[in-house]
Amino acid sequence: MFYLNNREEEFQEKLTVTKLIELKKYTYKKKIVKINDEFINPDEYSTTFIEDGDDVKILHLLAGG
């Protein structure tokens, strides 16, 4: 198991951040990804793997005025 935005998810072998975003259909352009409170650079999404027990946060950034 791992946590995605405080909800339990089934662990899958070789699940990258890119694949998780695709599976969850997160289509918003501006987002922040943190794994275990560590920011993940967008250039590293395809090479960063979700591990069993990880705490993943994917936050959607909004602009306003």
PDB file of N, CA and C in Angstrom:
ATOM      1  N   MET A   1       0.834  -1.178   0.000  1.00  0.00           N
ATOM      2  CA  MET A   1       0.000   0.000   0.000  1.00  0.00           C
ATOM      3  C   MET A   1       0.884   1.248   0.000  1.00  0.00           C
ATOM      4  N   PHE A   2       0.347   2.292  -0.574  1.00  0.00           N
ATOM      5  CA  PHE A   2       0.954   3.608  -0.440  1.00  0.00           C
ATOM      6  C   PHE A   2      -0.198   4.591  -0.287  1.00  0.00           C
ATOM      7  N   TYR A   3       0.120   5.793   0.096  1.00  0.00           N
ATOM      8  CA  TYR A   3      -0.906   6.814   0.284  1.00  0.00           C
ATOM      9  C   TYR A   3      -0.795   7.849  -0.817  1.00  0.00           C
ATOM     10  N   LEU A   4      -1.932   8.198  -1.392  1.00  0.00           N
ATOM     11  CA  LEU A   4      -2.015   9.265  -2.378  1.00  0.00           C
ATOM     12  C   LEU A   4      -3.003  10.284  -1.846  1.00  0.00           C
ATOM     13  N   ASN A   5      -2.505  11.454  -1.516  1.00  0.00           N
ATOM     14  CA  ASN A   5      -3.339  12.515  -0.955  1.00  0.00           C
ATOM     15  C   ASN A   5      -4.169  11.999   0.225  1.00  0.00           C
ATOM     16  N   ASN A   6      -3.488  11.293   1.123  1.00  0.00           N
ATOM     17  CA  ASN A   6      -4.057  10.765   2.375  1.00  0.00           C
ATOM     18  C   ASN A   6      -5.047   9.623   2.201  1.00  0.00           C
ATOM     19  N   ARG A   7      -5.077   9.012   1.030  1.00  0.00           N
ATOM     20  CA  ARG A   7      -5.952   7.852   0.804  1.00  0.00           C
ATOM     21  C   ARG A   7      -5.099   6.648   0.434  1.00  0.00           C
ATOM     22  N   GLU A   8      -5.466   5.493   0.984  1.00  0.00           N
ATOM     23  CA  GLU A   8      -4.718   4.275   0.682  1.00  0.00           C
ATOM     24  C   GLU A   8      -4.934   3.857  -0.767  1.00  0.00           C
ATOM     25  N   GLU A   9      -3.848   3.438  -1.397  1.00  0.00           N
ATOM     26  CA  GLU A   9      -3.878   2.946  -2.775  1.00  0.00           C
ATOM     27  C   GLU A   9      -3.137   1.614  -2.817  1.00  0.00           C
ATOM     28  N   GLU A  10      -3.538   0.764  -3.744  1.00  0.00           N
ATOM     29  CA  GLU A  10      -2.844  -0.510  -3.944  1.00  0.00           C
ATOM     30  C   GLU A  10      -1.467  -0.253  -4.540  1.00  0.00           C
ATOM     31  N   PHE A  11      -0.462  -0.889  -3.983  1.00  0.00           N
ATOM     32  CA  PHE A  11       0.894  -0.766  -4.495  1.00  0.00           C
ATOM     33  C   PHE A  11       1.031  -1.561  -5.789  1.00  0.00           C
ATOM     34  N   GLN A  12       1.697  -0.969  -6.764  1.00  0.00           N
ATOM     35  CA  GLN A  12       1.983  -1.635  -8.032  1.00  0.00           C
ATOM     36  C   GLN A  12       3.482  -1.555  -8.281  1.00  0.00           C
ATOM     37  N   GLU A  13       4.074  -2.650  -8.689  1.00  0.00           N
ATOM     38  CA  GLU A  13       5.496  -2.664  -9.023  1.00  0.00           C
ATOM     39  C   GLU A  13       5.770  -1.725 -10.196  1.00  0.00           C
ATOM     40  N   LYS A  14       6.901  -1.063 -10.145  1.00  0.00           N
ATOM     41  CA  LYS A  14       7.391  -0.210 -11.233  1.00  0.00           C
ATOM     42  C   LYS A  14       6.423   0.905 -11.600  1.00  0.00           C
ATOM     43  N   LEU A  15       5.737   1.458 -10.607  1.00  0.00           N
ATOM     44  CA  LEU A  15       4.821   2.585 -10.830  1.00  0.00           C
ATOM     45  C   LEU A  15       5.605   3.884 -10.699  1.00  0.00           C
ATOM     46  N   THR A  16       5.699   4.616 -11.801  1.00  0.00           N
ATOM     47  CA  THR A  16       6.391   5.906 -11.783  1.00  0.00           C
ATOM     48  C   THR A  16       5.386   7.011 -11.487  1.00  0.00           C
ATOM     49  N   VAL A  17       5.905   8.178 -11.177  1.00  0.00           N
ATOM     50  CA  VAL A  17       5.037   9.337 -10.961  1.00  0.00           C
ATOM     51  C   VAL A  17       4.252   9.633 -12.233  1.00  0.00           C
ATOM     52  N   THR A  18       4.900   9.563 -13.378  1.00  0.00           N
ATOM     53  CA  THR A  18       4.219   9.799 -14.659  1.00  0.00           C
ATOM     54  C   THR A  18       3.049   8.839 -14.837  1.00  0.00           C
ATOM     55  N   LYS A  19       3.272   7.567 -14.582  1.00  0.00           N
ATOM     56  CA  LYS A  19       2.216   6.557 -14.747  1.00  0.00           C
ATOM     57  C   LYS A  19       1.079   6.791 -13.752  1.00  0.00           C
ATOM     58  N   LEU A  20       1.411   7.150 -12.517  1.00  0.00           N
ATOM     59  CA  LEU A  20       0.380   7.433 -11.515  1.00  0.00           C
ATOM     60  C   LEU A  20      -0.489   8.609 -11.958  1.00  0.00           C
ATOM     61  N   ILE A  21       0.127   9.661 -12.465  1.00  0.00           N
ATOM     62  CA  ILE A  21      -0.621  10.818 -12.961  1.00  0.00           C
ATOM     63  C   ILE A  21      -1.543  10.406 -14.102  1.00  0.00           C
ATOM     64  N   GLU A  22      -1.067   9.544 -14.996  1.00  0.00           N
ATOM     65  CA  GLU A  22      -1.901   9.057 -16.107  1.00  0.00           C
ATOM     66  C   GLU A  22      -3.052   8.197 -15.589  1.00  0.00           C
ATOM     67  N   LEU A  23      -2.765   7.285 -14.665  1.00  0.00           N
ATOM     68  CA  LEU A  23      -3.807   6.401 -14.122  1.00  0.00           C
ATOM     69  C   LEU A  23      -4.915   7.178 -13.417  1.00  0.00           C
ATOM     70  N   LYS A  24      -4.527   8.225 -12.717  1.00  0.00           N
ATOM     71  CA  LYS A  24      -5.500   9.024 -11.959  1.00  0.00           C
ATOM     72  C   LYS A  24      -6.128  10.127 -12.807  1.00  0.00           C
ATOM     73  N   LYS A  25      -5.663  10.232 -14.061  1.00  0.00           N
ATOM     74  CA  LYS A  25      -6.201  11.218 -15.006  1.00  0.00           C
ATOM     75  C   LYS A  25      -6.077  12.653 -14.485  1.00  0.00           C
ATOM     76  N   TYR A  26      -4.926  12.937 -13.879  1.00  0.00           N
ATOM     77  CA  TYR A  26      -4.645  14.299 -13.421  1.00  0.00           C
ATOM     78  C   TYR A  26      -4.142  15.088 -14.627  1.00  0.00           C
ATOM     79  N   THR A  27      -5.025  15.877 -15.230  1.00  0.00           N
ATOM     80  CA  THR A  27      -4.695  16.567 -16.467  1.00  0.00           C
ATOM     81  C   THR A  27      -4.303  18.025 -16.264  1.00  0.00           C
ATOM     82  N   TYR A  28      -4.412  18.523 -15.052  1.00  0.00           N
ATOM     83  CA  TYR A  28      -4.062  19.929 -14.848  1.00  0.00           C
ATOM     84  C   TYR A  28      -2.575  20.147 -15.099  1.00  0.00           C
ATOM     85  N   LYS A  29      -2.260  21.310 -15.668  1.00  0.00           N
ATOM     86  CA  LYS A  29      -0.899  21.590 -16.108  1.00  0.00           C
ATOM     87  C   LYS A  29       0.042  21.931 -14.964  1.00  0.00           C
ATOM     88  N   LYS A  30      -0.432  22.692 -14.003  1.00  0.00           N
ATOM     89  CA  LYS A  30       0.443  23.131 -12.914  1.00  0.00           C
ATOM     90  C   LYS A  30       0.184  22.279 -11.683  1.00  0.00           C
ATOM     91  N   LYS A  31       1.201  21.529 -11.292  1.00  0.00           N
ATOM     92  CA  LYS A  31       1.054  20.650 -10.138  1.00  0.00           C
ATOM     93  C   LYS A  31       2.383  20.522  -9.414  1.00  0.00           C
ATOM     94  N   ILE A  32       2.294  20.156  -8.156  1.00  0.00           N
ATOM     95  CA  ILE A  32       3.463  19.861  -7.347  1.00  0.00           C
ATOM     96  C   ILE A  32       3.319  18.416  -6.885  1.00  0.00           C
ATOM     97  N   VAL A  33       4.416  17.670  -6.979  1.00  0.00           N
ATOM     98  CA  VAL A  33       4.426  16.290  -6.508  1.00  0.00           C
ATOM     99  C   VAL A  33       5.450  16.184  -5.381  1.00  0.00           C
ATOM    100  N   LYS A  34       5.008  15.601  -4.268  1.00  0.00           N
ATOM    101  CA  LYS A  34       5.891  15.338  -3.140  1.00  0.00           C
ATOM    102  C   LYS A  34       5.771  13.859  -2.782  1.00  0.00           C
ATOM    103  N   ILE A  35       6.901  13.247  -2.503  1.00  0.00           N
ATOM    104  CA  ILE A  35       6.915  11.875  -2.004  1.00  0.00           C
ATOM    105  C   ILE A  35       7.664  11.902  -0.683  1.00  0.00           C
ATOM    106  N   ASN A  36       6.958  11.486   0.376  1.00  0.00           N
ATOM    107  CA  ASN A  36       7.543  11.503   1.719  1.00  0.00           C
ATOM    108  C   ASN A  36       8.121  12.885   2.042  1.00  0.00           C
ATOM    109  N   ASP A  37       7.336  13.923   1.732  1.00  0.00           N
ATOM    110  CA  ASP A  37       7.675  15.331   1.993  1.00  0.00           C
ATOM    111  C   ASP A  37       8.864  15.847   1.200  1.00  0.00           C
ATOM    112  N   GLU A  38       9.269  15.146   0.139  1.00  0.00           N
ATOM    113  CA  GLU A  38      10.360  15.603  -0.720  1.00  0.00           C
ATOM    114  C   GLU A  38       9.782  15.980  -2.086  1.00  0.00           C
ATOM    115  N   PHE A  39      10.029  17.226  -2.522  1.00  0.00           N
ATOM    116  CA  PHE A  39       9.545  17.675  -3.816  1.00  0.00           C
ATOM    117  C   PHE A  39      10.221  16.896  -4.936  1.00  0.00           C
ATOM    118  N   ILE A  40       9.422  16.538  -5.933  1.00  0.00           N
ATOM    119  CA  ILE A  40       9.935  15.832  -7.106  1.00  0.00           C
ATOM    120  C   ILE A  40       9.905  16.797  -8.283  1.00  0.00           C
ATOM    121  N   ASN A  41      11.037  16.964  -8.936  1.00  0.00           N
ATOM    122  CA  ASN A  41      11.147  17.833 -10.092  1.00  0.00           C
ATOM    123  C   ASN A  41      10.378  17.204 -11.257  1.00  0.00           C
ATOM    124  N   PRO A  42       9.618  17.996 -12.008  1.00  0.00           N
ATOM    125  CA  PRO A  42       8.864  17.437 -13.149  1.00  0.00           C
ATOM    126  C   PRO A  42       9.731  16.660 -14.134  1.00  0.00           C
ATOM    127  N   ASP A  43      10.986  17.034 -14.283  1.00  0.00           N
ATOM    128  CA  ASP A  43      11.896  16.304 -15.175  1.00  0.00           C
ATOM    129  C   ASP A  43      12.180  14.893 -14.678  1.00  0.00           C
ATOM    130  N   GLU A  44      11.866  14.620 -13.404  1.00  0.00           N
ATOM    131  CA  GLU A  44      12.153  13.319 -12.810  1.00  0.00           C
ATOM    132  C   GLU A  44      10.912  12.430 -12.661  1.00  0.00           C
ATOM    133  N   TYR A  45       9.755  12.883 -13.119  1.00  0.00           N
ATOM    134  CA  TYR A  45       8.517  12.107 -12.957  1.00  0.00           C
ATOM    135  C   TYR A  45       8.618  10.723 -13.598  1.00  0.00           C
ATOM    136  N   SER A  46       9.217  10.644 -14.763  1.00  0.00           N
ATOM    137  CA  SER A  46       9.256   9.357 -15.487  1.00  0.00           C
ATOM    138  C   SER A  46      10.298   8.392 -14.921  1.00  0.00           C
ATOM    139  N   THR A  47      11.200   8.885 -14.080  1.00  0.00           N
ATOM    140  CA  THR A  47      12.239   8.023 -13.516  1.00  0.00           C
ATOM    141  C   THR A  47      12.111   7.832 -12.011  1.00  0.00           C
ATOM    142  N   THR A  48      11.093   8.453 -11.412  1.00  0.00           N
ATOM    143  CA  THR A  48      10.877   8.328  -9.968  1.00  0.00           C
ATOM    144  C   THR A  48       9.799   7.285  -9.715  1.00  0.00           C
ATOM    145  N   PHE A  49      10.148   6.252  -8.971  1.00  0.00           N
ATOM    146  CA  PHE A  49       9.231   5.155  -8.698  1.00  0.00           C
ATOM    147  C   PHE A  49       8.564   5.325  -7.344  1.00  0.00           C
ATOM    148  N   ILE A  50       7.280   4.962  -7.279  1.00  0.00           N
ATOM    149  CA  ILE A  50       6.526   4.936  -6.029  1.00  0.00           C
ATOM    150  C   ILE A  50       6.861   3.617  -5.337  1.00  0.00           C
ATOM    151  N   GLU A  51       7.259   3.699  -4.091  1.00  0.00           N
ATOM    152  CA  GLU A  51       7.613   2.508  -3.320  1.00  0.00           C
ATOM    153  C   GLU A  51       6.499   2.157  -2.343  1.00  0.00           C
ATOM    154  N   ASP A  52       6.466   0.905  -1.949  1.00  0.00           N
ATOM    155  CA  ASP A  52       5.493   0.450  -0.952  1.00  0.00           C
ATOM    156  C   ASP A  52       5.672   1.267   0.326  1.00  0.00           C
ATOM    157  N   GLY A  53       4.577   1.828   0.835  1.00  0.00           N
ATOM    158  CA  GLY A  53       4.614   2.614   2.062  1.00  0.00           C
ATOM    159  C   GLY A  53       4.832   4.107   1.850  1.00  0.00           C
ATOM    160  N   ASP A  54       5.057   4.530   0.606  1.00  0.00           N
ATOM    161  CA  ASP A  54       5.288   5.955   0.349  1.00  0.00           C
ATOM    162  C   ASP A  54       4.038   6.788   0.620  1.00  0.00           C
ATOM    163  N   ASP A  55       4.282   8.051   0.972  1.00  0.00           N
ATOM    164  CA  ASP A  55       3.223   9.040   1.156  1.00  0.00           C
ATOM    165  C   ASP A  55       3.362  10.042   0.008  1.00  0.00           C
ATOM    166  N   VAL A  56       2.461   9.953  -0.956  1.00  0.00           N
ATOM    167  CA  VAL A  56       2.524  10.761  -2.174  1.00  0.00           C
ATOM    168  C   VAL A  56       1.464  11.852  -2.101  1.00  0.00           C
ATOM    169  N   LYS A  57       1.882  13.057  -2.422  1.00  0.00           N
ATOM    170  CA  LYS A  57       0.953  14.176  -2.515  1.00  0.00           C
ATOM    171  C   LYS A  57       1.077  14.769  -3.918  1.00  0.00           C
ATOM    172  N   ILE A  58      -0.048  14.927  -4.587  1.00  0.00           N
ATOM    173  CA  ILE A  58      -0.076  15.612  -5.877  1.00  0.00           C
ATOM    174  C   ILE A  58      -1.040  16.779  -5.717  1.00  0.00           C
ATOM    175  N   LEU A  59      -0.469  17.981  -5.761  1.00  0.00           N
ATOM    176  CA  LEU A  59      -1.241  19.185  -5.494  1.00  0.00           C
ATOM    177  C   LEU A  59      -1.416  19.993  -6.769  1.00  0.00           C
ATOM    178  N   HIS A  60      -2.635  20.434  -6.992  1.00  0.00           N
ATOM    179  CA  HIS A  60      -2.981  21.248  -8.162  1.00  0.00           C
ATOM    180  C   HIS A  60      -2.803  22.716  -7.800  1.00  0.00           C
ATOM    181  N   LEU A  61      -2.018  23.425  -8.577  1.00  0.00           N
ATOM    182  CA  LEU A  61      -1.777  24.848  -8.321  1.00  0.00           C
ATOM    183  C   LEU A  61      -2.821  25.676  -9.038  1.00  0.00           C
ATOM    184  N   LEU A  62      -3.331  26.662  -8.337  1.00  0.00           N
ATOM    185  CA  LEU A  62      -4.314  27.574  -8.897  1.00  0.00           C
ATOM    186  C   LEU A  62      -3.764  28.990  -8.864  1.00  0.00           C
ATOM    187  N   ALA A  63      -4.181  29.776  -9.814  1.00  0.00           N
ATOM    188  CA  ALA A  63      -3.809  31.198  -9.827  1.00  0.00           C
ATOM    189  C   ALA A  63      -5.073  32.009  -9.628  1.00  0.00           C
ATOM    190  N   GLY A  64      -4.944  33.077  -8.982  1.00  0.00           N
ATOM    191  CA  GLY A  64      -6.118  33.915  -8.753  1.00  0.00           C
ATOM    192  C   GLY A  64      -5.710  35.358  -8.559  1.00  0.00           C
ATOM    193  N   GLY A  65      -6.723  36.160  -8.409  1.00  0.00           N
ATOM    194  CA  GLY A  65      -6.382  37.570  -8.248  1.00  0.00           C
ATOM    195  C   GLY A  65      -7.434  38.292  -7.466  1.00  0.00           C
TER     196      GLY A  65
END
